Amino acid sequence: MFKLIIGSRNYSSWSLRPWLAAKQAGLPFEEIAIPLRQSTTKAEILEYSPSGKLPCLIDGATIVWESLSICEYLAEKVCKLWPFERKARAEARSMAGEMYSGFAALRQGMPLDVRASLPFTEPSVEVKKDVARIVSMWEDCRQRHSQEGPFLFGHFTNVDAMYAPVVFRFLTYHVELPEASRQWVETMAALPAMQEWRQACVAEAA
């Protein structure tokens, strides 16, 4: 059984991604949560993570850090965490990479706060562009893969995990969505693992 070291759930979008992927894949793991924004946080993280950041996965002598790298590692254990068809798999990896490296305006303008309900009435032009780009990808995926299942590429994959924090962001800030995207967000939000994460956010002290 591997260990997954994560940060405070309410604020750590990076921790949610591999945690959700592991849960959905049915992979058992020991969870170690380190509260963020504390005086001891950095020292505690460095006990596990060579980068000094979270999340981090420890599998015996193997240490994997960064969300997308951990998701890739999990996919080597459970092949279903990417689409089976080569073209779809390439597209899913591209979408995951775009989420990993992009959407800075969205991250800054809509910081993750799962516990909150903050209707967002005046997003910046940059945030609107990020939202539009994300929604366009979701709509395209659901148009092409709706017959294969309720997730972006039919069955649950790492790309769903990578965009899971955006689900919480859009719910927190009451973002209006077209039908296909709204249905995917509702599907994601209803997952027992997502409900577990939300409940843990509510229970956190800070």
Protein backbone atom coordinates (compact mmCIF):
# COMPACT_ATOMS: atom_id res chain seq x y z
CA MET A 1 0.00 0.00 0.00
CA PHE A 2 1.39 3.40 -0.95
CA LYS A 3 1.22 6.63 1.01
CA LEU A 4 -0.34 9.80 -0.39
CA ILE A 5 0.64 12.99 1.37
CA ILE A 6 -1.83 15.81 0.82
CA GLY A 7 -2.47 19.35 2.06
CA SER A 8 -5.52 21.00 3.58
CA ARG A 9 -8.44 19.84 1.48
CA ASN A 10 -10.31 23.12 1.35
CA TYR A 11 -7.48 24.91 -0.45
CA SER A 12 -5.30 22.24 -2.05
CA SER A 13 -6.55 21.69 -5.58
CA TRP A 14 -3.31 19.87 -6.38
CA SER A 15 -3.93 17.32 -3.63
CA LEU A 16 -7.48 16.59 -4.76
CA ARG A 17 -6.44 15.40 -8.21
CA PRO A 18 -4.35 12.27 -7.42
CA TRP A 19 -6.44 11.55 -4.32
CA LEU A 20 -9.58 11.37 -6.45
CA ALA A 21 -7.85 9.34 -9.16
CA ALA A 22 -6.71 6.78 -6.59
CA LYS A 23 -10.15 6.62 -5.01
CA GLN A 24 -11.93 6.16 -8.33
CA ALA A 25 -9.45 3.50 -9.39
CA GLY A 26 -10.07 1.57 -6.18
CA LEU A 27 -6.42 1.71 -5.15
CA PRO A 28 -5.93 1.41 -1.37
CA PHE A 29 -3.56 3.94 0.15
CA GLU A 30 -2.55 5.47 3.44
CA GLU A 31 -3.46 9.15 3.57
CA ILE A 32 -1.27 11.64 5.43
CA ALA A 33 -2.70 15.15 5.61
CA ILE A 34 -0.50 18.13 6.45
CA PRO A 35 -2.30 21.37 7.33
CA LEU A 36 -1.23 24.26 5.12
CA ARG A 37 -0.47 27.82 6.20
CA GLN A 38 1.03 26.76 9.53
CA SER A 39 4.45 27.58 10.95
CA THR A 40 5.41 23.90 10.81
CA THR A 41 3.98 23.18 7.36
CA LYS A 42 7.20 23.43 5.34
CA ALA A 43 9.20 21.23 7.71
CA GLU A 44 6.46 18.60 7.81
CA ILE A 45 6.22 18.49 4.01
CA LEU A 46 10.00 18.11 3.64
CA GLU A 47 9.84 14.95 5.73
CA TYR A 48 8.14 13.32 2.73
CA SER A 49 8.47 15.45 -0.39
CA PRO A 50 11.85 16.34 -1.95
CA SER A 51 10.25 19.30 -3.74
CA GLY A 52 8.88 20.75 -0.52
CA LYS A 53 5.43 20.78 -2.09
CA LEU A 54 2.29 18.66 -1.98
CA PRO A 55 0.95 16.25 -3.01
CA CYS A 56 3.54 13.52 -2.85
CA LEU A 57 3.19 9.76 -3.30
CA ILE A 58 5.47 7.23 -1.64
CA ASP A 59 5.38 3.68 -2.95
CA GLY A 60 8.13 1.73 -1.21
CA ALA A 61 11.41 3.21 -2.42
CA THR A 62 9.65 5.23 -5.12
CA ILE A 63 8.74 8.86 -4.47
CA VAL A 64 6.54 10.71 -6.95
CA TRP A 65 5.69 14.40 -6.64
CA GLU A 66 3.48 16.80 -8.64
CA SER A 67 -0.17 15.99 -9.29
CA LEU A 68 0.00 15.02 -12.94
CA SER A 69 3.06 12.82 -12.42
CA ILE A 70 1.27 11.01 -9.61
CA CYS A 71 -1.79 10.52 -11.81
CA GLU A 72 0.44 9.06 -14.53
CA TYR A 73 2.03 6.72 -12.00
CA LEU A 74 -1.39 5.56 -10.85
CA ALA A 75 -2.37 4.96 -14.48
CA GLU A 76 0.56 2.56 -14.80
CA LYS A 77 -1.02 0.57 -11.99
CA VAL A 78 -4.57 0.82 -13.36
CA CYS A 79 -4.65 1.27 -17.14
CA LYS A 80 -8.26 2.49 -17.15
CA LEU A 81 -7.17 5.89 -15.82
CA TRP A 82 -6.65 7.06 -19.40
CA PRO A 83 -8.91 6.49 -22.42
CA PHE A 84 -8.19 3.20 -24.16
CA GLU A 85 -8.18 4.55 -27.72
CA ARG A 86 -4.92 6.23 -28.76
CA LYS A 87 -6.38 9.45 -30.19
CA ALA A 88 -8.66 9.98 -27.19
CA ARG A 89 -5.78 9.20 -24.86
CA ALA A 90 -3.61 11.84 -26.54
CA GLU A 91 -6.40 14.39 -26.31
CA ALA A 92 -7.01 13.59 -22.64
CA ARG A 93 -3.31 13.98 -21.84
CA SER A 94 -3.27 17.29 -23.69
CA MET A 95 -6.24 18.53 -21.70
CA ALA A 96 -4.65 17.39 -18.45
CA GLY A 97 -1.42 19.14 -19.36
CA GLU A 98 -3.25 22.34 -20.24
CA MET A 99 -4.96 22.27 -16.85
CA TYR A 100 -1.66 21.60 -15.11
CA SER A 101 0.26 24.44 -16.73
CA GLY A 102 -2.42 26.99 -17.60
CA PHE A 103 -5.48 28.91 -16.46
CA ALA A 104 -3.55 31.24 -14.14
CA ALA A 105 -6.31 33.86 -14.23
CA LEU A 106 -8.89 31.30 -13.12
CA ARG A 107 -6.68 30.12 -10.26
CA GLN A 108 -6.11 33.67 -9.05
CA GLY A 109 -9.59 35.02 -9.69
CA MET A 110 -11.44 31.98 -8.38
CA PRO A 111 -9.26 30.53 -5.61
CA LEU A 112 -10.33 27.13 -4.38
CA ASP A 113 -12.55 27.36 -1.30
CA VAL A 114 -14.79 24.31 -1.22
CA ARG A 115 -16.65 25.39 1.92
CA ALA A 116 -17.64 28.78 0.53
CA SER A 117 -20.55 30.01 -1.58
CA LEU A 118 -19.46 33.18 -3.36
CA PRO A 119 -21.52 34.22 -6.39
CA PHE A 120 -19.02 35.70 -8.83
CA THR A 121 -20.72 38.62 -10.56
CA GLU A 122 -17.81 40.51 -12.13
CA PRO A 123 -15.09 38.17 -13.43
CA SER A 124 -12.20 39.77 -15.29
CA VAL A 125 -11.77 39.40 -19.04
CA GLU A 126 -8.92 36.97 -18.40
CA VAL A 127 -11.04 34.81 -16.09
CA LYS A 128 -13.86 34.78 -18.65
CA LYS A 129 -11.40 33.56 -21.29
CA ASP A 130 -10.22 30.76 -19.05
CA VAL A 131 -13.77 29.71 -18.24
CA ALA A 132 -14.73 29.79 -21.91
CA ARG A 133 -11.74 27.65 -22.89
CA ILE A 134 -12.46 25.06 -20.21
CA VAL A 135 -16.15 24.89 -21.07
CA SER A 136 -15.40 24.54 -24.79
CA MET A 137 -13.24 21.48 -24.05
CA TRP A 138 -15.86 19.96 -21.78
CA GLU A 139 -18.62 20.51 -24.33
CA ASP A 140 -16.53 18.96 -27.10
CA CYS A 141 -15.72 15.91 -24.99
CA ARG A 142 -19.30 15.33 -23.96
CA GLN A 143 -20.55 15.75 -27.53
CA ARG A 144 -18.16 13.08 -28.77
CA HIS A 145 -18.16 10.67 -25.83
CA SER A 146 -21.60 10.92 -24.24
CA GLN A 147 -22.60 7.49 -25.52
CA GLU A 148 -19.61 5.90 -23.73
CA GLY A 149 -20.45 7.11 -20.23
CA PRO A 150 -21.05 10.25 -18.14
CA PHE A 151 -17.45 11.46 -17.81
CA LEU A 152 -15.39 13.60 -20.18
CA PHE A 153 -14.13 10.62 -22.18
CA GLY A 154 -16.89 8.21 -21.21
CA HIS A 155 -15.45 6.38 -18.21
CA PHE A 156 -13.62 8.17 -15.39
CA THR A 157 -10.04 9.05 -16.28
CA ASN A 158 -7.21 11.23 -15.03
CA VAL A 159 -8.54 14.15 -17.05
CA ASP A 160 -11.68 14.14 -14.90
CA ALA A 161 -9.44 14.15 -11.84
CA MET A 162 -7.37 17.04 -13.19
CA TYR A 163 -10.49 19.18 -13.69
CA ALA A 164 -12.14 18.15 -10.41
CA PRO A 165 -10.96 21.32 -8.59
CA VAL A 166 -12.63 23.37 -11.33
CA VAL A 167 -15.88 21.57 -10.48
CA PHE A 168 -15.62 22.85 -6.92
CA ARG A 169 -14.59 26.30 -8.14
CA PHE A 170 -17.57 26.58 -10.47
CA LEU A 171 -19.91 25.44 -7.70
CA THR A 172 -18.40 27.88 -5.19
CA TYR A 173 -18.67 30.84 -7.58
CA HIS A 174 -22.02 29.80 -9.12
CA VAL A 175 -20.74 29.73 -12.71
CA GLU A 176 -23.52 29.22 -15.24
CA LEU A 177 -22.80 26.41 -17.67
CA PRO A 178 -24.28 24.96 -20.84
CA GLU A 179 -26.22 21.73 -20.45
CA ALA A 180 -23.54 19.13 -21.20
CA SER A 181 -20.99 20.80 -18.95
CA ARG A 182 -23.54 21.26 -16.19
CA GLN A 183 -24.42 17.56 -16.31
CA TRP A 184 -20.75 16.58 -16.09
CA VAL A 185 -20.24 18.91 -13.11
CA GLU A 186 -23.26 17.35 -11.40
CA THR A 187 -21.95 13.85 -12.14
CA MET A 188 -18.58 14.73 -10.64
CA ALA A 189 -20.04 16.48 -7.60
CA ALA A 190 -22.23 13.44 -6.86
CA LEU A 191 -19.32 10.99 -6.74
CA PRO A 192 -18.96 9.50 -3.25
CA ALA A 193 -15.28 10.43 -3.28
CA MET A 194 -16.06 14.07 -4.12
CA GLN A 195 -18.69 14.11 -1.38
CA GLU A 196 -16.13 12.67 1.03
CA TRP A 197 -13.67 15.40 0.08
CA ARG A 198 -16.29 18.12 0.55
CA GLN A 199 -17.32 16.79 3.95
CA ALA A 200 -13.69 16.69 5.04
CA CYS A 201 -13.32 20.33 3.92
CA VAL A 202 -16.22 21.31 6.15
CA ALA A 203 -14.66 19.41 9.06
CA GLU A 204 -11.24 21.04 8.75
CA ALA A 205 -10.37 23.56 11.42
CA ALA A 206 -8.70 25.99 9.00
